[in-house]
Amino acid sequence: MRSMARARDLSEQWKDTGAAGHRLMKKMRIAVVLVDAALDVCLDRVAQRAARTGRPVQEDFVRRCNEGCVKTAYAVKDSVDLFVHI
């Protein structure tokens, strides 16, 4: 969340770069789109990709990421401009 706050602060300084009048220089907005896939779907996709590319991913890593992504997304939910959970 510190990085998001820093990015917002930096976007506020864009007006000081001489581009204040440019129509594209607007305050930065932050969105989180959480695509919540079931763990078994993730593990299946990882196995398919490993068979196709020869690059395996450890099952423990997939499990931790699957759980951690949801927790992290909901932890920052109230700090972003848009939150979408699919």
PDB file of N, CA and C in Angstrom:
ATOM      1  N   MET A   1       0.828  -1.189   0.000  1.00  0.00           N
ATOM      2  CA  MET A   1       0.000   0.000   0.000  1.00  0.00           C
ATOM      3  C   MET A   1       0.866   1.244   0.000  1.00  0.00           C
ATOM      4  N   ARG A   2       2.068   1.143   0.537  1.00  0.00           N
ATOM      5  CA  ARG A   2       2.963   2.291   0.533  1.00  0.00           C
ATOM      6  C   ARG A   2       3.322   2.670  -0.901  1.00  0.00           C
ATOM      7  N   SER A   3       3.499   1.680  -1.759  1.00  0.00           N
ATOM      8  CA  SER A   3       3.829   1.944  -3.158  1.00  0.00           C
ATOM      9  C   SER A   3       2.679   2.648  -3.865  1.00  0.00           C
ATOM     10  N   MET A   4       1.442   2.245  -3.548  1.00  0.00           N
ATOM     11  CA  MET A   4       0.293   2.905  -4.168  1.00  0.00           C
ATOM     12  C   MET A   4       0.217   4.356  -3.733  1.00  0.00           C
ATOM     13  N   ALA A   5       0.442   4.612  -2.464  1.00  0.00           N
ATOM     14  CA  ALA A   5       0.405   5.988  -1.966  1.00  0.00           C
ATOM     15  C   ALA A   5       1.499   6.818  -2.623  1.00  0.00           C
ATOM     16  N   ARG A   6       2.674   6.230  -2.779  1.00  0.00           N
ATOM     17  CA  ARG A   6       3.781   6.940  -3.422  1.00  0.00           C
ATOM     18  C   ARG A   6       3.453   7.239  -4.884  1.00  0.00           C
ATOM     19  N   ALA A   7       2.864   6.284  -5.574  1.00  0.00           N
ATOM     20  CA  ALA A   7       2.501   6.489  -6.980  1.00  0.00           C
ATOM     21  C   ALA A   7       1.469   7.601  -7.117  1.00  0.00           C
ATOM     22  N   ARG A   8       0.504   7.633  -6.202  1.00  0.00           N
ATOM     23  CA  ARG A   8      -0.490   8.710  -6.236  1.00  0.00           C
ATOM     24  C   ARG A   8       0.174  10.068  -6.008  1.00  0.00           C
ATOM     25  N   ASP A   9       1.075  10.122  -5.033  1.00  0.00           N
ATOM     26  CA  ASP A   9       1.779  11.379  -4.752  1.00  0.00           C
ATOM     27  C   ASP A   9       2.577  11.837  -5.963  1.00  0.00           C
ATOM     28  N   LEU A  10       3.251  10.901  -6.611  1.00  0.00           N
ATOM     29  CA  LEU A  10       4.024  11.253  -7.801  1.00  0.00           C
ATOM     30  C   LEU A  10       3.123  11.746  -8.923  1.00  0.00           C
ATOM     31  N   SER A  11       1.961  11.125  -9.076  1.00  0.00           N
ATOM     32  CA  SER A  11       1.053  11.561 -10.140  1.00  0.00           C
ATOM     33  C   SER A  11       0.536  12.971  -9.879  1.00  0.00           C
ATOM     34  N   GLU A  12       0.431  13.350  -8.622  1.00  0.00           N
ATOM     35  CA  GLU A  12       0.027  14.714  -8.287  1.00  0.00           C
ATOM     36  C   GLU A  12       1.094  15.724  -8.710  1.00  0.00           C
ATOM     37  N   GLN A  13       2.348  15.281  -8.785  1.00  0.00           N
ATOM     38  CA  GLN A  13       3.443  16.173  -9.162  1.00  0.00           C
ATOM     39  C   GLN A  13       3.572  16.339 -10.674  1.00  0.00           C
ATOM     40  N   TRP A  14       2.829  15.568 -11.458  1.00  0.00           N
ATOM     41  CA  TRP A  14       2.930  15.666 -12.910  1.00  0.00           C
ATOM     42  C   TRP A  14       2.658  17.078 -13.398  1.00  0.00           C
ATOM     43  N   LYS A  15       1.784  17.781 -12.683  1.00  0.00           N
ATOM     44  CA  LYS A  15       1.458  19.145 -13.097  1.00  0.00           C
ATOM     45  C   LYS A  15       2.672  20.059 -13.041  1.00  0.00           C
ATOM     46  N   ASP A  16       3.679  19.676 -12.246  1.00  0.00           N
ATOM     47  CA  ASP A  16       4.889  20.486 -12.117  1.00  0.00           C
ATOM     48  C   ASP A  16       5.914  20.192 -13.209  1.00  0.00           C
ATOM     49  N   THR A  17       5.618  19.266 -14.110  1.00  0.00           N
ATOM     50  CA  THR A  17       6.586  18.894 -15.145  1.00  0.00           C
ATOM     51  C   THR A  17       6.419  19.713 -16.413  1.00  0.00           C
ATOM     52  N   GLY A  18       5.480  20.636 -16.423  1.00  0.00           N
ATOM     53  CA  GLY A  18       5.234  21.428 -17.617  1.00  0.00           C
ATOM     54  C   GLY A  18       4.140  20.832 -18.485  1.00  0.00           C
ATOM     55  N   ALA A  19       3.590  19.729 -18.067  1.00  0.00           N
ATOM     56  CA  ALA A  19       2.553  19.070 -18.851  1.00  0.00           C
ATOM     57  C   ALA A  19       1.173  19.272 -18.235  1.00  0.00           C
ATOM     58  N   ALA A  20       1.060  20.246 -17.365  1.00  0.00           N
ATOM     59  CA  ALA A  20      -0.193  20.436 -16.633  1.00  0.00           C
ATOM     60  C   ALA A  20      -1.381  20.651 -17.559  1.00  0.00           C
ATOM     61  N   GLY A  21      -1.157  21.308 -18.685  1.00  0.00           N
ATOM     62  CA  GLY A  21      -2.265  21.589 -19.586  1.00  0.00           C
ATOM     63  C   GLY A  21      -2.588  20.460 -20.541  1.00  0.00           C
ATOM     64  N   HIS A  22      -1.792  19.430 -20.538  1.00  0.00           N
ATOM     65  CA  HIS A  22      -2.027  18.322 -21.463  1.00  0.00           C
ATOM     66  C   HIS A  22      -3.242  17.527 -21.017  1.00  0.00           C
ATOM     67  N   ARG A  23      -4.119  17.221 -21.956  1.00  0.00           N
ATOM     68  CA  ARG A  23      -5.381  16.554 -21.606  1.00  0.00           C
ATOM     69  C   ARG A  23      -5.195  15.144 -21.051  1.00  0.00           C
ATOM     70  N   LEU A  24      -4.054  14.520 -21.315  1.00  0.00           N
ATOM     71  CA  LEU A  24      -3.823  13.164 -20.815  1.00  0.00           C
ATOM     72  C   LEU A  24      -3.186  13.132 -19.430  1.00  0.00           C
ATOM     73  N   MET A  25      -2.723  14.263 -18.941  1.00  0.00           N
ATOM     74  CA  MET A  25      -2.065  14.307 -17.632  1.00  0.00           C
ATOM     75  C   MET A  25      -3.122  14.501 -16.546  1.00  0.00           C
ATOM     76  N   LYS A  26      -3.622  13.402 -16.061  1.00  0.00           N
ATOM     77  CA  LYS A  26      -4.652  13.439 -15.032  1.00  0.00           C
ATOM     78  C   LYS A  26      -4.169  12.678 -13.814  1.00  0.00           C
ATOM     79  N   LYS A  27      -4.837  12.909 -12.719  1.00  0.00           N
ATOM     80  CA  LYS A  27      -4.502  12.195 -11.489  1.00  0.00           C
ATOM     81  C   LYS A  27      -4.609  10.691 -11.733  1.00  0.00           C
ATOM     82  N   MET A  28      -3.616   9.970 -11.276  1.00  0.00           N
ATOM     83  CA  MET A  28      -3.599   8.529 -11.463  1.00  0.00           C
ATOM     84  C   MET A  28      -4.662   7.864 -10.597  1.00  0.00           C
ATOM     85  N   ARG A  29      -5.346   6.918 -11.208  1.00  0.00           N
ATOM     86  CA  ARG A  29      -6.311   6.108 -10.475  1.00  0.00           C
ATOM     87  C   ARG A  29      -5.786   4.678 -10.456  1.00  0.00           C
ATOM     88  N   ILE A  30      -6.057   3.974  -9.379  1.00  0.00           N
ATOM     89  CA  ILE A  30      -5.549   2.611  -9.214  1.00  0.00           C
ATOM     90  C   ILE A  30      -6.721   1.640  -9.140  1.00  0.00           C
ATOM     91  N   ALA A  31      -6.608   0.568  -9.925  1.00  0.00           N
ATOM     92  CA  ALA A  31      -7.637  -0.470  -9.934  1.00  0.00           C
ATOM     93  C   ALA A  31      -6.992  -1.818  -9.631  1.00  0.00           C
ATOM     94  N   VAL A  32      -7.739  -2.660  -8.947  1.00  0.00           N
ATOM     95  CA  VAL A  32      -7.329  -4.044  -8.711  1.00  0.00           C
ATOM     96  C   VAL A  32      -8.418  -4.928  -9.308  1.00  0.00           C
ATOM     97  N   VAL A  33      -8.003  -5.802 -10.219  1.00  0.00           N
ATOM     98  CA  VAL A  33      -8.921  -6.784 -10.785  1.00  0.00           C
ATOM     99  C   VAL A  33      -8.432  -8.149 -10.317  1.00  0.00           C
ATOM    100  N   LEU A  34      -9.180  -8.752  -9.436  1.00  0.00           N
ATOM    101  CA  LEU A  34      -8.830 -10.062  -8.885  1.00  0.00           C
ATOM    102  C   LEU A  34      -9.564 -11.135  -9.677  1.00  0.00           C
ATOM    103  N   VAL A  35      -8.811 -11.902 -10.448  1.00  0.00           N
ATOM    104  CA  VAL A  35      -9.383 -13.033 -11.171  1.00  0.00           C
ATOM    105  C   VAL A  35      -9.146 -14.252 -10.289  1.00  0.00           C
ATOM    106  N   ASP A  36     -10.180 -14.647  -9.603  1.00  0.00           N
ATOM    107  CA  ASP A  36     -10.089 -15.688  -8.576  1.00  0.00           C
ATOM    108  C   ASP A  36     -10.362 -17.054  -9.192  1.00  0.00           C
ATOM    109  N   ALA A  37      -9.301 -17.777  -9.495  1.00  0.00           N
ATOM    110  CA  ALA A  37      -9.436 -19.119 -10.072  1.00  0.00           C
ATOM    111  C   ALA A  37      -9.337 -20.154  -8.958  1.00  0.00           C
ATOM    112  N   ALA A  38     -10.114 -21.199  -9.085  1.00  0.00           N
ATOM    113  CA  ALA A  38     -10.076 -22.288  -8.105  1.00  0.00           C
ATOM    114  C   ALA A  38      -8.688 -22.927  -8.110  1.00  0.00           C
ATOM    115  N   LEU A  39      -8.261 -23.381  -6.956  1.00  0.00           N
ATOM    116  CA  LEU A  39      -6.932 -23.971  -6.821  1.00  0.00           C
ATOM    117  C   LEU A  39      -6.729 -25.139  -7.781  1.00  0.00           C
ATOM    118  N   ASP A  40      -7.736 -25.997  -7.921  1.00  0.00           N
ATOM    119  CA  ASP A  40      -7.568 -27.144  -8.823  1.00  0.00           C
ATOM    120  C   ASP A  40      -7.395 -26.709 -10.275  1.00  0.00           C
ATOM    121  N   VAL A  41      -8.038 -25.620 -10.660  1.00  0.00           N
ATOM    122  CA  VAL A  41      -7.862 -25.071 -12.009  1.00  0.00           C
ATOM    123  C   VAL A  41      -6.430 -24.569 -12.178  1.00  0.00           C
ATOM    124  N   CYS A  42      -5.924 -23.858 -11.180  1.00  0.00           N
ATOM    125  CA  CYS A  42      -4.550 -23.342 -11.234  1.00  0.00           C
ATOM    126  C   CYS A  42      -3.542 -24.481 -11.331  1.00  0.00           C
ATOM    127  N   LEU A  43      -3.723 -25.497 -10.511  1.00  0.00           N
ATOM    128  CA  LEU A  43      -2.800 -26.634 -10.528  1.00  0.00           C
ATOM    129  C   LEU A  43      -2.848 -27.363 -11.869  1.00  0.00           C
ATOM    130  N   ASP A  44      -4.036 -27.483 -12.432  1.00  0.00           N
ATOM    131  CA  ASP A  44      -4.190 -28.128 -13.734  1.00  0.00           C
ATOM    132  C   ASP A  44      -3.476 -27.331 -14.830  1.00  0.00           C
ATOM    133  N   ARG A  45      -3.649 -26.020 -14.813  1.00  0.00           N
ATOM    134  CA  ARG A  45      -2.991 -25.164 -15.810  1.00  0.00           C
ATOM    135  C   ARG A  45      -1.475 -25.220 -15.677  1.00  0.00           C
ATOM    136  N   VAL A  46      -0.994 -25.246 -14.447  1.00  0.00           N
ATOM    137  CA  VAL A  46       0.453 -25.337 -14.211  1.00  0.00           C
ATOM    138  C   VAL A  46       0.994 -26.652 -14.768  1.00  0.00           C
ATOM    139  N   ALA A  47       0.268 -27.742 -14.545  1.00  0.00           N
ATOM    140  CA  ALA A  47       0.705 -29.047 -15.054  1.00  0.00           C
ATOM    141  C   ALA A  47       0.716 -29.057 -16.582  1.00  0.00           C
ATOM    142  N   GLN A  48      -0.306 -28.467 -17.195  1.00  0.00           N
ATOM    143  CA  GLN A  48      -0.362 -28.398 -18.658  1.00  0.00           C
ATOM    144  C   GLN A  48       0.794 -27.569 -19.214  1.00  0.00           C
ATOM    145  N   ARG A  49       1.052 -26.426 -18.582  1.00  0.00           N
ATOM    146  CA  ARG A  49       2.143 -25.558 -19.035  1.00  0.00           C
ATOM    147  C   ARG A  49       3.491 -26.252 -18.860  1.00  0.00           C
ATOM    148  N   ALA A  50       3.667 -26.979 -17.771  1.00  0.00           N
ATOM    149  CA  ALA A  50       4.925 -27.699 -17.538  1.00  0.00           C
ATOM    150  C   ALA A  50       5.135 -28.762 -18.613  1.00  0.00           C
ATOM    151  N   ALA A  51       4.065 -29.462 -18.977  1.00  0.00           N
ATOM    152  CA  ALA A  51       4.175 -30.491 -20.015  1.00  0.00           C
ATOM    153  C   ALA A  51       4.498 -29.863 -21.371  1.00  0.00           C
ATOM    154  N   ARG A  52       3.941 -28.697 -21.627  1.00  0.00           N
ATOM    155  CA  ARG A  52       4.128 -28.024 -22.913  1.00  0.00           C
ATOM    156  C   ARG A  52       5.484 -27.335 -23.025  1.00  0.00           C
ATOM    157  N   THR A  53       5.940 -26.720 -21.939  1.00  0.00           N
ATOM    158  CA  THR A  53       7.153 -25.887 -22.008  1.00  0.00           C
ATOM    159  C   THR A  53       8.354 -26.495 -21.302  1.00  0.00           C
ATOM    160  N   GLY A  54       8.099 -27.496 -20.453  1.00  0.00           N
ATOM    161  CA  GLY A  54       9.198 -28.068 -19.678  1.00  0.00           C
ATOM    162  C   GLY A  54       9.606 -27.216 -18.488  1.00  0.00           C
ATOM    163  N   ARG A  55       8.761 -26.251 -18.129  1.00  0.00           N
ATOM    164  CA  ARG A  55       9.046 -25.366 -16.983  1.00  0.00           C
ATOM    165  C   ARG A  55       8.027 -25.617 -15.872  1.00  0.00           C
ATOM    166  N   PRO A  56       8.358 -26.473 -14.934  1.00  0.00           N
ATOM    167  CA  PRO A  56       7.418 -26.775 -13.848  1.00  0.00           C
ATOM    168  C   PRO A  56       7.396 -25.665 -12.795  1.00  0.00           C
ATOM    169  N   VAL A  57       6.307 -25.633 -12.072  1.00  0.00           N
ATOM    170  CA  VAL A  57       6.162 -24.722 -10.932  1.00  0.00           C
ATOM    171  C   VAL A  57       5.794 -25.588  -9.733  1.00  0.00           C
ATOM    172  N   GLN A  58       6.445 -25.340  -8.613  1.00  0.00           N
ATOM    173  CA  GLN A  58       6.188 -26.149  -7.422  1.00  0.00           C
ATOM    174  C   GLN A  58       4.749 -25.976  -6.946  1.00  0.00           C
ATOM    175  N   GLU A  59       4.124 -27.085  -6.594  1.00  0.00           N
ATOM    176  CA  GLU A  59       2.731 -27.066  -6.153  1.00  0.00           C
ATOM    177  C   GLU A  59       2.542 -26.171  -4.931  1.00  0.00           C
ATOM    178  N   ASP A  60       3.481 -26.199  -4.006  1.00  0.00           N
ATOM    179  CA  ASP A  60       3.386 -25.368  -2.806  1.00  0.00           C
ATOM    180  C   ASP A  60       3.336 -23.883  -3.167  1.00  0.00           C
ATOM    181  N   PHE A  61       4.125 -23.485  -4.160  1.00  0.00           N
ATOM    182  CA  PHE A  61       4.137 -22.093  -4.611  1.00  0.00           C
ATOM    183  C   PHE A  61       2.772 -21.706  -5.184  1.00  0.00           C
ATOM    184  N   VAL A  62       2.194 -22.576  -5.991  1.00  0.00           N
ATOM    185  CA  VAL A  62       0.882 -22.309  -6.585  1.00  0.00           C
ATOM    186  C   VAL A  62      -0.169 -22.164  -5.486  1.00  0.00           C
ATOM    187  N   ARG A  63      -0.123 -23.044  -4.496  1.00  0.00           N
ATOM    188  CA  ARG A  63      -1.087 -22.977  -3.391  1.00  0.00           C
ATOM    189  C   ARG A  63      -0.948 -21.666  -2.606  1.00  0.00           C
ATOM    190  N   ARG A  64       0.300 -21.282  -2.294  1.00  0.00           N
ATOM    191  CA  ARG A  64       0.529 -20.046  -1.533  1.00  0.00           C
ATOM    192  C   ARG A  64       0.089 -18.818  -2.330  1.00  0.00           C
ATOM    193  N   CYS A  65       0.386 -18.811  -3.615  1.00  0.00           N
ATOM    194  CA  CYS A  65      -0.002 -17.672  -4.454  1.00  0.00           C
ATOM    195  C   CYS A  65      -1.511 -17.568  -4.586  1.00  0.00           C
ATOM    196  N   ASN A  66      -2.164 -18.698  -4.769  1.00  0.00           N
ATOM    197  CA  ASN A  66      -3.610 -18.702  -4.916  1.00  0.00           C
ATOM    198  C   ASN A  66      -4.278 -18.099  -3.687  1.00  0.00           C
ATOM    199  N   GLU A  67      -3.822 -18.488  -2.516  1.00  0.00           N
ATOM    200  CA  GLU A  67      -4.379 -17.967  -1.265  1.00  0.00           C
ATOM    201  C   GLU A  67      -3.929 -16.527  -1.016  1.00  0.00           C
ATOM    202  N   GLY A  68      -2.663 -16.263  -1.262  1.00  0.00           N
ATOM    203  CA  GLY A  68      -2.106 -14.945  -0.985  1.00  0.00           C
ATOM    204  C   GLY A  68      -2.679 -13.842  -1.851  1.00  0.00           C
ATOM    205  N   CYS A  69      -2.979 -14.156  -3.104  1.00  0.00           N
ATOM    206  CA  CYS A  69      -3.537 -13.140  -4.003  1.00  0.00           C
ATOM    207  C   CYS A  69      -4.878 -12.624  -3.497  1.00  0.00           C
ATOM    208  N   VAL A  70      -5.715 -13.536  -3.060  1.00  0.00           N
ATOM    209  CA  VAL A  70      -7.030 -13.137  -2.550  1.00  0.00           C
ATOM    210  C   VAL A  70      -6.874 -12.283  -1.295  1.00  0.00           C
ATOM    211  N   LYS A  71      -6.028 -12.715  -0.378  1.00  0.00           N
ATOM    212  CA  LYS A  71      -5.814 -11.954   0.859  1.00  0.00           C
ATOM    213  C   LYS A  71      -5.260 -10.565   0.566  1.00  0.00           C
ATOM    214  N   THR A  72      -4.277 -10.498  -0.311  1.00  0.00           N
ATOM    215  CA  THR A  72      -3.657  -9.211  -0.639  1.00  0.00           C
ATOM    216  C   THR A  72      -4.647  -8.282  -1.322  1.00  0.00           C
ATOM    217  N   ALA A  73      -5.401  -8.808  -2.268  1.00  0.00           N
ATOM    218  CA  ALA A  73      -6.374  -7.978  -2.981  1.00  0.00           C
ATOM    219  C   ALA A  73      -7.394  -7.382  -2.018  1.00  0.00           C
ATOM    220  N   TYR A  74      -7.888  -8.193  -1.092  1.00  0.00           N
ATOM    221  CA  TYR A  74      -8.867  -7.677  -0.136  1.00  0.00           C
ATOM    222  C   TYR A  74      -8.231  -6.751   0.901  1.00  0.00           C
ATOM    223  N   ALA A  75      -6.954  -6.911   1.154  1.00  0.00           N
ATOM    224  CA  ALA A  75      -6.268  -6.019   2.094  1.00  0.00           C
ATOM    225  C   ALA A  75      -6.152  -4.607   1.532  1.00  0.00           C
ATOM    226  N   VAL A  76      -6.042  -4.474   0.211  1.00  0.00           N
ATOM    227  CA  VAL A  76      -5.888  -3.144  -0.397  1.00  0.00           C
ATOM    228  C   VAL A  76      -7.198  -2.617  -0.975  1.00  0.00           C
ATOM    229  N   LYS A  77      -8.250  -3.389  -0.863  1.00  0.00           N
ATOM    230  CA  LYS A  77      -9.538  -3.050  -1.470  1.00  0.00           C
ATOM    231  C   LYS A  77      -9.987  -1.617  -1.178  1.00  0.00           C
ATOM    232  N   ASP A  78      -9.870  -1.184   0.045  1.00  0.00           N
ATOM    233  CA  ASP A  78     -10.352   0.147   0.423  1.00  0.00           C
ATOM    234  C   ASP A  78      -9.360   1.258   0.092  1.00  0.00           C
ATOM    235  N   SER A  79      -8.208   0.903  -0.455  1.00  0.00           N
ATOM    236  CA  SER A  79      -7.188   1.900  -0.789  1.00  0.00           C
ATOM    237  C   SER A  79      -7.112   2.182  -2.285  1.00  0.00           C
ATOM    238  N   VAL A  80      -7.952   1.534  -3.075  1.00  0.00           N
ATOM    239  CA  VAL A  80      -7.905   1.713  -4.524  1.00  0.00           C
ATOM    240  C   VAL A  80      -9.189   2.379  -5.007  1.00  0.00           C
ATOM    241  N   ASP A  81      -9.132   2.890  -6.235  1.00  0.00           N
ATOM    242  CA  ASP A  81     -10.300   3.564  -6.801  1.00  0.00           C
ATOM    243  C   ASP A  81     -11.348   2.585  -7.328  1.00  0.00           C
ATOM    244  N   LEU A  82     -10.882   1.434  -7.777  1.00  0.00           N
ATOM    245  CA  LEU A  82     -11.792   0.437  -8.330  1.00  0.00           C
ATOM    246  C   LEU A  82     -11.319  -0.948  -7.921  1.00  0.00           C
ATOM    247  N   PHE A  83     -12.239  -1.755  -7.426  1.00  0.00           N
ATOM    248  CA  PHE A  83     -11.927  -3.136  -7.053  1.00  0.00           C
ATOM    249  C   PHE A  83     -12.949  -4.033  -7.727  1.00  0.00           C
ATOM    250  N   VAL A  84     -12.451  -5.001  -8.498  1.00  0.00           N
ATOM    251  CA  VAL A  84     -13.328  -5.945  -9.185  1.00  0.00           C
ATOM    252  C   VAL A  84     -12.866  -7.353  -8.836  1.00  0.00           C
ATOM    253  N   HIS A  85     -13.800  -8.180  -8.397  1.00  0.00           N
ATOM    254  CA  HIS A  85     -13.502  -9.584  -8.079  1.00  0.00           C
ATOM    255  C   HIS A  85     -14.293 -10.448  -9.052  1.00  0.00           C
ATOM    256  N   ILE A  86     -13.541 -11.151  -9.904  1.00  0.00           N
ATOM    257  CA  ILE A  86     -14.178 -12.004 -10.920  1.00  0.00           C
ATOM    258  C   ILE A  86     -14.021 -13.445 -10.492  1.00  0.00           C
TER     259      ILE A  86
END
